[in-house]
PDB file of all heavy atoms in Angstrom:
ATOM      1  N   TYR A   1       0.814  -1.242  -0.011  1.00  0.00           N
ATOM      2  CA  TYR A   1      -0.005   0.027   0.002  1.00  0.00           C
ATOM      3  C   TYR A   1       0.867   1.254   0.023  1.00  0.00           C
ATOM      4  O   TYR A   1       1.925   1.313   0.619  1.00  0.00           O
ATOM      5  CB  TYR A   1      -0.891   0.023   1.264  1.00  0.00           C
ATOM      6  CG  TYR A   1      -1.703  -1.246   1.445  1.00  0.00           C
ATOM      7  CD1 TYR A   1      -1.254  -2.191   2.317  1.00  0.00           C
ATOM      8  CD2 TYR A   1      -2.883  -1.488   0.736  1.00  0.00           C
ATOM      9  CE1 TYR A   1      -1.952  -3.382   2.520  1.00  0.00           C
ATOM     10  CE2 TYR A   1      -3.508  -2.660   0.880  1.00  0.00           C
ATOM     11  CZ  TYR A   1      -3.100  -3.631   1.752  1.00  0.00           C
ATOM     12  OH  TYR A   1      -3.788  -4.795   1.925  1.00  0.00           O
ATOM     13  N   SER A   2       0.359   2.257  -0.695  1.00  0.00           N
ATOM     14  CA  SER A   2       0.976   3.561  -0.708  1.00  0.00           C
ATOM     15  C   SER A   2      -0.134   4.609  -0.516  1.00  0.00           C
ATOM     16  O   SER A   2      -1.128   4.551  -1.251  1.00  0.00           O
ATOM     17  CB  SER A   2       1.714   3.832  -2.039  1.00  0.00           C
ATOM     18  OG  SER A   2       2.066   5.213  -2.103  1.00  0.00           O
ATOM     19  N   VAL A   3      -0.016   5.444   0.469  1.00  0.00           N
ATOM     20  CA  VAL A   3      -0.990   6.506   0.729  1.00  0.00           C
ATOM     21  C   VAL A   3      -0.314   7.855   0.568  1.00  0.00           C
ATOM     22  O   VAL A   3       0.647   8.180   1.221  1.00  0.00           O
ATOM     23  CB  VAL A   3      -1.527   6.405   2.162  1.00  0.00           C
ATOM     24  CG1 VAL A   3      -2.606   7.487   2.394  1.00  0.00           C
ATOM     25  CG2 VAL A   3      -2.106   5.050   2.497  1.00  0.00           C
ATOM     26  N   SER A   4      -0.785   8.613  -0.375  1.00  0.00           N
ATOM     27  CA  SER A   4      -0.220   9.953  -0.650  1.00  0.00           C
ATOM     28  C   SER A   4      -0.655  10.966   0.319  1.00  0.00           C
ATOM     29  O   SER A   4      -1.773  10.832   0.895  1.00  0.00           O
ATOM     30  CB  SER A   4      -0.507  10.384  -2.122  1.00  0.00           C
ATOM     31  OG  SER A   4      -1.899  10.447  -2.323  1.00  0.00           O
ATOM     32  N   CYS A   5       0.120  12.012   0.431  1.00  0.00           N
ATOM     33  CA  CYS A   5      -0.259  13.127   1.406  1.00  0.00           C
ATOM     34  C   CYS A   5       0.402  14.414   0.972  1.00  0.00           C
ATOM     35  O   CYS A   5       1.016  14.445  -0.124  1.00  0.00           O
ATOM     36  CB  CYS A   5       0.112  12.716   2.834  1.00  0.00           C
ATOM     37  SG  CYS A   5       1.927  12.506   3.065  1.00  0.00           S
ATOM     38  N   ASN A   6       0.309  15.406   1.843  1.00  0.00           N
ATOM     39  CA  ASN A   6       0.702  16.803   1.427  1.00  0.00           C
ATOM     40  C   ASN A   6       2.188  17.054   1.346  1.00  0.00           C
ATOM     41  O   ASN A   6       2.671  17.872   0.636  1.00  0.00           O
ATOM     42  CB  ASN A   6       0.034  17.768   2.310  1.00  0.00           C
ATOM     43  CG  ASN A   6       0.329  19.227   1.926  1.00  0.00           C
ATOM     44  OD1 ASN A   6      -0.011  19.659   0.840  1.00  0.00           O
ATOM     45  ND2 ASN A   6       0.973  19.943   2.795  1.00  0.00           N
ATOM     46  N   SER A   7       2.984  16.279   2.212  1.00  0.00           N
ATOM     47  CA  SER A   7       4.426  16.543   2.301  1.00  0.00           C
ATOM     48  C   SER A   7       5.115  15.382   2.991  1.00  0.00           C
ATOM     49  O   SER A   7       4.440  14.571   3.603  1.00  0.00           O
ATOM     50  CB  SER A   7       4.666  17.837   3.079  1.00  0.00           C
ATOM     51  OG  SER A   7       4.282  17.694   4.452  1.00  0.00           O
ATOM     52  N   GLY A   8       6.416  15.403   2.938  1.00  0.00           N
ATOM     53  CA  GLY A   8       7.189  14.451   3.704  1.00  0.00           C
ATOM     54  C   GLY A   8       7.026  14.579   5.171  1.00  0.00           C
ATOM     55  O   GLY A   8       7.030  13.586   5.952  1.00  0.00           O
ATOM     56  N   THR A   9       6.889  15.835   5.610  1.00  0.00           N
ATOM     57  CA  THR A   9       6.664  16.079   7.074  1.00  0.00           C
ATOM     58  C   THR A   9       5.334  15.462   7.514  1.00  0.00           C
ATOM     59  O   THR A   9       5.284  14.811   8.549  1.00  0.00           O
ATOM     60  CB  THR A   9       6.678  17.584   7.360  1.00  0.00           C
ATOM     61  OG1 THR A   9       7.908  18.154   6.907  1.00  0.00           O
ATOM     62  CG2 THR A   9       6.522  17.876   8.858  1.00  0.00           C
ATOM     63  N   ASP A  10       4.316  15.692   6.746  1.00  0.00           N
ATOM     64  CA  ASP A  10       3.004  15.102   7.008  1.00  0.00           C
ATOM     65  C   ASP A  10       3.064  13.567   7.020  1.00  0.00           C
ATOM     66  O   ASP A  10       2.431  12.895   7.828  1.00  0.00           O
ATOM     67  CB  ASP A  10       1.935  15.589   6.074  1.00  0.00           C
ATOM     68  CG  ASP A  10       1.378  16.981   6.339  1.00  0.00           C
ATOM     69  OD1 ASP A  10       1.910  17.592   7.268  1.00  0.00           O
ATOM     70  OD2 ASP A  10       0.464  17.377   5.693  1.00  0.00           O
ATOM     71  N   ALA A  11       3.878  13.018   6.132  1.00  0.00           N
ATOM     72  CA  ALA A  11       4.018  11.592   6.032  1.00  0.00           C
ATOM     73  C   ALA A  11       4.545  11.069   7.369  1.00  0.00           C
ATOM     74  O   ALA A  11       4.015  10.027   7.934  1.00  0.00           O
ATOM     75  CB  ALA A  11       4.993  11.204   4.922  1.00  0.00           C
ATOM     76  N   LEU A  12       5.550  11.735   7.924  1.00  0.00           N
ATOM     77  CA  LEU A  12       6.092  11.275   9.225  1.00  0.00           C
ATOM     78  C   LEU A  12       5.057  11.401  10.391  1.00  0.00           C
ATOM     79  O   LEU A  12       4.898  10.458  11.148  1.00  0.00           O
ATOM     80  CB  LEU A  12       7.324  12.123   9.575  1.00  0.00           C
ATOM     81  CG  LEU A  12       8.554  11.860   8.740  1.00  0.00           C
ATOM     82  CD1 LEU A  12       9.600  12.989   8.940  1.00  0.00           C
ATOM     83  CD2 LEU A  12       9.201  10.523   9.064  1.00  0.00           C
ATOM     84  N   ILE A  13       4.333  12.509  10.405  1.00  0.00           N
ATOM     85  CA  ILE A  13       3.299  12.733  11.439  1.00  0.00           C
ATOM     86  C   ILE A  13       2.217  11.706  11.319  1.00  0.00           C
ATOM     87  O   ILE A  13       1.787  11.084  12.289  1.00  0.00           O
ATOM     88  CB  ILE A  13       2.722  14.151  11.332  1.00  0.00           C
ATOM     89  CG1 ILE A  13       3.823  15.173  11.716  1.00  0.00           C
ATOM     90  CG2 ILE A  13       1.558  14.332  12.278  1.00  0.00           C
ATOM     91  CD1 ILE A  13       3.443  16.604  11.483  1.00  0.00           C
ATOM     92  N   LEU A  14       1.755  11.433  10.106  1.00  0.00           N
ATOM     93  CA  LEU A  14       0.629  10.477   9.914  1.00  0.00           C
ATOM     94  C   LEU A  14       1.099   9.082  10.296  1.00  0.00           C
ATOM     95  O   LEU A  14       0.349   8.324  10.899  1.00  0.00           O
ATOM     96  CB  LEU A  14       0.205  10.488   8.470  1.00  0.00           C
ATOM     97  CG  LEU A  14      -0.571  11.814   8.039  1.00  0.00           C
ATOM     98  CD1 LEU A  14      -0.680  11.847   6.494  1.00  0.00           C
ATOM     99  CD2 LEU A  14      -1.975  11.820   8.654  1.00  0.00           C
ATOM    100  N   ALA A  15       2.383   8.761   9.964  1.00  0.00           N
ATOM    101  CA  ALA A  15       2.878   7.411  10.276  1.00  0.00           C
ATOM    102  C   ALA A  15       3.001   7.242  11.784  1.00  0.00           C
ATOM    103  O   ALA A  15       2.588   6.240  12.349  1.00  0.00           O
ATOM    104  CB  ALA A  15       4.261   7.286   9.662  1.00  0.00           C
ATOM    105  N   LEU A  16       3.533   8.257  12.513  1.00  0.00           N
ATOM    106  CA  LEU A  16       3.590   8.188  13.995  1.00  0.00           C
ATOM    107  C   LEU A  16       2.213   8.063  14.602  1.00  0.00           C
ATOM    108  O   LEU A  16       1.983   7.247  15.515  1.00  0.00           O
ATOM    109  CB  LEU A  16       4.318   9.425  14.514  1.00  0.00           C
ATOM    110  CG  LEU A  16       5.837   9.478  14.208  1.00  0.00           C
ATOM    111  CD1 LEU A  16       6.341  10.932  14.275  1.00  0.00           C
ATOM    112  CD2 LEU A  16       6.657   8.544  15.161  1.00  0.00           C
ATOM    113  N   ARG A  17       1.255   8.882  14.130  1.00  0.00           N
ATOM    114  CA  ARG A  17      -0.081   8.829  14.681  1.00  0.00           C
ATOM    115  C   ARG A  17      -0.696   7.457  14.430  1.00  0.00           C
ATOM    116  O   ARG A  17      -1.367   6.928  15.286  1.00  0.00           O
ATOM    117  CB  ARG A  17      -0.950   9.903  14.007  1.00  0.00           C
ATOM    118  CG  ARG A  17      -0.827  11.303  14.539  1.00  0.00           C
ATOM    119  CD  ARG A  17      -1.578  11.498  15.845  1.00  0.00           C
ATOM    120  NE  ARG A  17      -2.966  11.044  15.813  1.00  0.00           N
ATOM    121  CZ  ARG A  17      -4.013  11.810  15.427  1.00  0.00           C
ATOM    122  NH1 ARG A  17      -3.807  13.054  14.993  1.00  0.00           N
ATOM    123  NH2 ARG A  17      -5.218  11.309  15.403  1.00  0.00           N
ATOM    124  N   SER A  18      -0.445   6.899  13.244  1.00  0.00           N
ATOM    125  CA  SER A  18      -1.125   5.597  12.913  1.00  0.00           C
ATOM    126  C   SER A  18      -0.593   4.474  13.820  1.00  0.00           C
ATOM    127  O   SER A  18      -1.302   3.470  14.038  1.00  0.00           O
ATOM    128  CB  SER A  18      -0.829   5.215  11.471  1.00  0.00           C
ATOM    129  OG  SER A  18       0.499   4.908  11.244  1.00  0.00           O
ATOM    130  N   LEU A  19       0.624   4.683  14.357  1.00  0.00           N
ATOM    131  CA  LEU A  19       1.203   3.662  15.251  1.00  0.00           C
ATOM    132  C   LEU A  19       0.971   3.989  16.722  1.00  0.00           C
ATOM    133  O   LEU A  19       1.572   3.385  17.635  1.00  0.00           O
ATOM    134  CB  LEU A  19       2.716   3.568  14.963  1.00  0.00           C
ATOM    135  CG  LEU A  19       3.098   2.989  13.592  1.00  0.00           C
ATOM    136  CD1 LEU A  19       4.563   3.278  13.264  1.00  0.00           C
ATOM    137  CD2 LEU A  19       2.756   1.568  13.497  1.00  0.00           C
ATOM    138  N   ASN A  20       0.066   4.935  16.957  1.00  0.00           N
ATOM    139  CA  ASN A  20      -0.359   5.294  18.302  1.00  0.00           C
ATOM    140  C   ASN A  20       0.887   5.768  19.174  1.00  0.00           C
ATOM    141  O   ASN A  20       0.959   5.510  20.384  1.00  0.00           O
ATOM    142  CB  ASN A  20      -1.020   4.133  19.040  1.00  0.00           C
ATOM    143  CG  ASN A  20      -2.308   3.779  18.357  1.00  0.00           C
ATOM    144  OD1 ASN A  20      -3.160   4.572  18.018  1.00  0.00           O
ATOM    145  ND2 ASN A  20      -2.514   2.465  18.099  1.00  0.00           N
ATOM    146  N   ILE A  21       1.757   6.506  18.549  1.00  0.00           N
ATOM    147  CA  ILE A  21       2.916   7.087  19.277  1.00  0.00           C
ATOM    148  C   ILE A  21       2.548   8.524  19.614  1.00  0.00           C
ATOM    149  O   ILE A  21       2.120   9.315  18.791  1.00  0.00           O
ATOM    150  CB  ILE A  21       4.159   7.033  18.369  1.00  0.00           C
ATOM    151  CG1 ILE A  21       4.588   5.577  18.183  1.00  0.00           C
ATOM    152  CG2 ILE A  21       5.280   7.849  19.035  1.00  0.00           C
ATOM    153  CD1 ILE A  21       5.670   5.396  17.153  1.00  0.00           C
ATOM    154  N   GLY A  22       2.659   8.821  20.896  1.00  0.00           N
ATOM    155  CA  GLY A  22       2.228  10.167  21.372  1.00  0.00           C
ATOM    156  C   GLY A  22       2.824  10.574  22.671  1.00  0.00           C
ATOM    157  O   GLY A  22       3.958  10.304  22.965  1.00  0.00           O
ATOM    158  N   GLN A  23       2.038  11.276  23.446  1.00  0.00           N
ATOM    159  CA  GLN A  23       2.487  11.902  24.702  1.00  0.00           C
ATOM    160  C   GLN A  23       3.218  10.913  25.637  1.00  0.00           C
ATOM    161  O   GLN A  23       2.717   9.802  25.913  1.00  0.00           O
ATOM    162  CB  GLN A  23       1.294  12.462  25.482  1.00  0.00           C
ATOM    163  CG  GLN A  23       1.698  13.447  26.498  1.00  0.00           C
ATOM    164  CD  GLN A  23       2.210  14.796  25.881  1.00  0.00           C
ATOM    165  OE1 GLN A  23       1.722  15.245  24.869  1.00  0.00           O
ATOM    166  NE2 GLN A  23       3.218  15.345  26.516  1.00  0.00           N
ATOM    167  N   GLY A  24       4.451  11.258  26.012  1.00  0.00           N
ATOM    168  CA  GLY A  24       5.249  10.453  26.947  1.00  0.00           C
ATOM    169  C   GLY A  24       6.050   9.410  26.277  1.00  0.00           C
ATOM    170  O   GLY A  24       6.887   8.758  26.924  1.00  0.00           O
ATOM    171  N   ASP A  25       5.861   9.135  25.009  1.00  0.00           N
ATOM    172  CA  ASP A  25       6.628   8.131  24.298  1.00  0.00           C
ATOM    173  C   ASP A  25       7.981   8.692  23.828  1.00  0.00           C
ATOM    174  O   ASP A  25       8.140   9.932  23.660  1.00  0.00           O
ATOM    175  CB  ASP A  25       5.889   7.604  23.079  1.00  0.00           C
ATOM    176  CG  ASP A  25       4.611   6.851  23.480  1.00  0.00           C
ATOM    177  OD1 ASP A  25       4.583   6.284  24.557  1.00  0.00           O
ATOM    178  OD2 ASP A  25       3.624   6.907  22.704  1.00  0.00           O
ATOM    179  N   GLU A  26       8.938   7.823  23.554  1.00  0.00           N
ATOM    180  CA  GLU A  26      10.235   8.207  23.016  1.00  0.00           C
ATOM    181  C   GLU A  26      10.483   7.517  21.663  1.00  0.00           C
ATOM    182  O   GLU A  26      10.089   6.329  21.504  1.00  0.00           O
ATOM    183  CB  GLU A  26      11.332   7.847  23.990  1.00  0.00           C
ATOM    184  CG  GLU A  26      11.293   8.589  25.274  1.00  0.00           C
ATOM    185  CD  GLU A  26      12.349   8.232  26.267  1.00  0.00           C
ATOM    186  OE1 GLU A  26      13.097   7.195  26.044  1.00  0.00           O
ATOM    187  OE2 GLU A  26      12.528   8.911  27.323  1.00  0.00           O
ATOM    188  N   VAL A  27      11.101   8.257  20.779  1.00  0.00           N
ATOM    189  CA  VAL A  27      11.450   7.703  19.446  1.00  0.00           C
ATOM    190  C   VAL A  27      12.953   7.975  19.195  1.00  0.00           C
ATOM    191  O   VAL A  27      13.382   9.142  19.264  1.00  0.00           O
ATOM    192  CB  VAL A  27      10.599   8.373  18.351  1.00  0.00           C
ATOM    193  CG1 VAL A  27      11.004   7.761  16.972  1.00  0.00           C
ATOM    194  CG2 VAL A  27       9.093   8.119  18.568  1.00  0.00           C
ATOM    195  N   ILE A  28      13.699   6.906  18.914  1.00  0.00           N
ATOM    196  CA  ILE A  28      15.128   7.084  18.703  1.00  0.00           C
ATOM    197  C   ILE A  28      15.371   7.406  17.270  1.00  0.00           C
ATOM    198  O   ILE A  28      14.900   6.766  16.339  1.00  0.00           O
ATOM    199  CB  ILE A  28      15.825   5.742  19.029  1.00  0.00           C
ATOM    200  CG1 ILE A  28      15.655   5.444  20.527  1.00  0.00           C
ATOM    201  CG2 ILE A  28      17.315   5.806  18.730  1.00  0.00           C
ATOM    202  CD1 ILE A  28      16.129   4.073  20.987  1.00  0.00           C
ATOM    203  N   THR A  29      16.170   8.462  17.036  1.00  0.00           N
ATOM    204  CA  THR A  29      16.458   8.855  15.657  1.00  0.00           C
ATOM    205  C   THR A  29      17.838   9.602  15.609  1.00  0.00           C
ATOM    206  O   THR A  29      18.599   9.570  16.565  1.00  0.00           O
ATOM    207  CB  THR A  29      15.318   9.781  15.160  1.00  0.00           C
ATOM    208  OG1 THR A  29      15.469  10.062  13.768  1.00  0.00           O
ATOM    209  CG2 THR A  29      15.339  11.147  15.890  1.00  0.00           C
ATOM    210  N   SER A  30      18.083  10.209  14.481  1.00  0.00           N
ATOM    211  CA  SER A  30      19.353  10.890  14.249  1.00  0.00           C
ATOM    212  C   SER A  30      19.188  12.418  14.324  1.00  0.00           C
ATOM    213  O   SER A  30      18.148  12.997  13.867  1.00  0.00           O
ATOM    214  CB  SER A  30      19.957  10.536  12.825  1.00  0.00           C
ATOM    215  OG  SER A  30      21.087  11.301  12.526  1.00  0.00           O
ATOM    216  N   SER A  31      20.210  13.056  14.864  1.00  0.00           N
ATOM    217  CA  SER A  31      20.203  14.535  14.894  1.00  0.00           C
ATOM    218  C   SER A  31      20.766  15.174  13.611  1.00  0.00           C
ATOM    219  O   SER A  31      20.632  16.335  13.377  1.00  0.00           O
ATOM    220  CB  SER A  31      21.033  14.998  16.126  1.00  0.00           C
ATOM    221  OG  SER A  31      21.134  16.439  16.130  1.00  0.00           O
ATOM    222  N   PHE A  32      21.438  14.286  12.804  1.00  0.00           N
ATOM    223  CA  PHE A  32      21.955  14.764  11.579  1.00  0.00           C
ATOM    224  C   PHE A  32      20.994  14.493  10.436  1.00  0.00           C
ATOM    225  O   PHE A  32      21.040  13.467   9.710  1.00  0.00           O
ATOM    226  CB  PHE A  32      23.320  14.093  11.297  1.00  0.00           C
ATOM    227  CG  PHE A  32      24.052  14.676  10.099  1.00  0.00           C
ATOM    228  CD1 PHE A  32      24.229  16.037  10.014  1.00  0.00           C
ATOM    229  CD2 PHE A  32      24.584  13.854   9.076  1.00  0.00           C
ATOM    230  CE1 PHE A  32      24.933  16.628   8.889  1.00  0.00           C
ATOM    231  CE2 PHE A  32      25.227  14.432   8.045  1.00  0.00           C
ATOM    232  CZ  PHE A  32      25.444  15.775   7.917  1.00  0.00           C
ATOM    233  N   SER A  33      20.005  15.335  10.334  1.00  0.00           N
ATOM    234  CA  SER A  33      18.932  15.241   9.363  1.00  0.00           C
ATOM    235  C   SER A  33      18.248  16.553   9.236  1.00  0.00           C
ATOM    236  O   SER A  33      18.573  17.519   9.970  1.00  0.00           O
ATOM    237  CB  SER A  33      17.929  14.203   9.895  1.00  0.00           C
ATOM    238  OG  SER A  33      16.855  14.047   8.982  1.00  0.00           O
ATOM    239  N   PHE A  34      17.297  16.683   8.281  1.00  0.00           N
ATOM    240  CA  PHE A  34      16.455  17.857   8.211  1.00  0.00           C
ATOM    241  C   PHE A  34      15.622  17.951   9.520  1.00  0.00           C
ATOM    242  O   PHE A  34      15.180  16.918  10.050  1.00  0.00           O
ATOM    243  CB  PHE A  34      15.627  17.863   6.958  1.00  0.00           C
ATOM    244  CG  PHE A  34      14.751  19.130   6.840  1.00  0.00           C
ATOM    245  CD1 PHE A  34      15.354  20.399   6.828  1.00  0.00           C
ATOM    246  CD2 PHE A  34      13.394  19.011   6.758  1.00  0.00           C
ATOM    247  CE1 PHE A  34      14.528  21.542   6.705  1.00  0.00           C
ATOM    248  CE2 PHE A  34      12.602  20.148   6.647  1.00  0.00           C
ATOM    249  CZ  PHE A  34      13.158  21.382   6.609  1.00  0.00           C
ATOM    250  N   PHE A  35      15.260  19.141   9.940  1.00  0.00           N
ATOM    251  CA  PHE A  35      14.567  19.355  11.173  1.00  0.00           C
ATOM    252  C   PHE A  35      13.237  18.644  11.271  1.00  0.00           C
ATOM    253  O   PHE A  35      12.818  18.239  12.375  1.00  0.00           O
ATOM    254  CB  PHE A  35      14.295  20.903  11.337  1.00  0.00           C
ATOM    255  CG  PHE A  35      13.826  21.278  12.663  1.00  0.00           C
ATOM    256  CD1 PHE A  35      14.642  21.297  13.768  1.00  0.00           C
ATOM    257  CD2 PHE A  35      12.498  21.680  12.890  1.00  0.00           C
ATOM    258  CE1 PHE A  35      14.171  21.663  15.040  1.00  0.00           C
ATOM    259  CE2 PHE A  35      12.023  22.098  14.092  1.00  0.00           C
ATOM    260  CZ  PHE A  35      12.894  22.084  15.225  1.00  0.00           C
TER     261      PHE A  35
END
């Protein structure tokens, strides 16, 4: 499946929301990236 959206930023937000990631949770990532 591929679901299109308004931007790459929205894609990240929608993905996080769909996985029920929210208040109080932690997500490990890189600081060397676009904001």
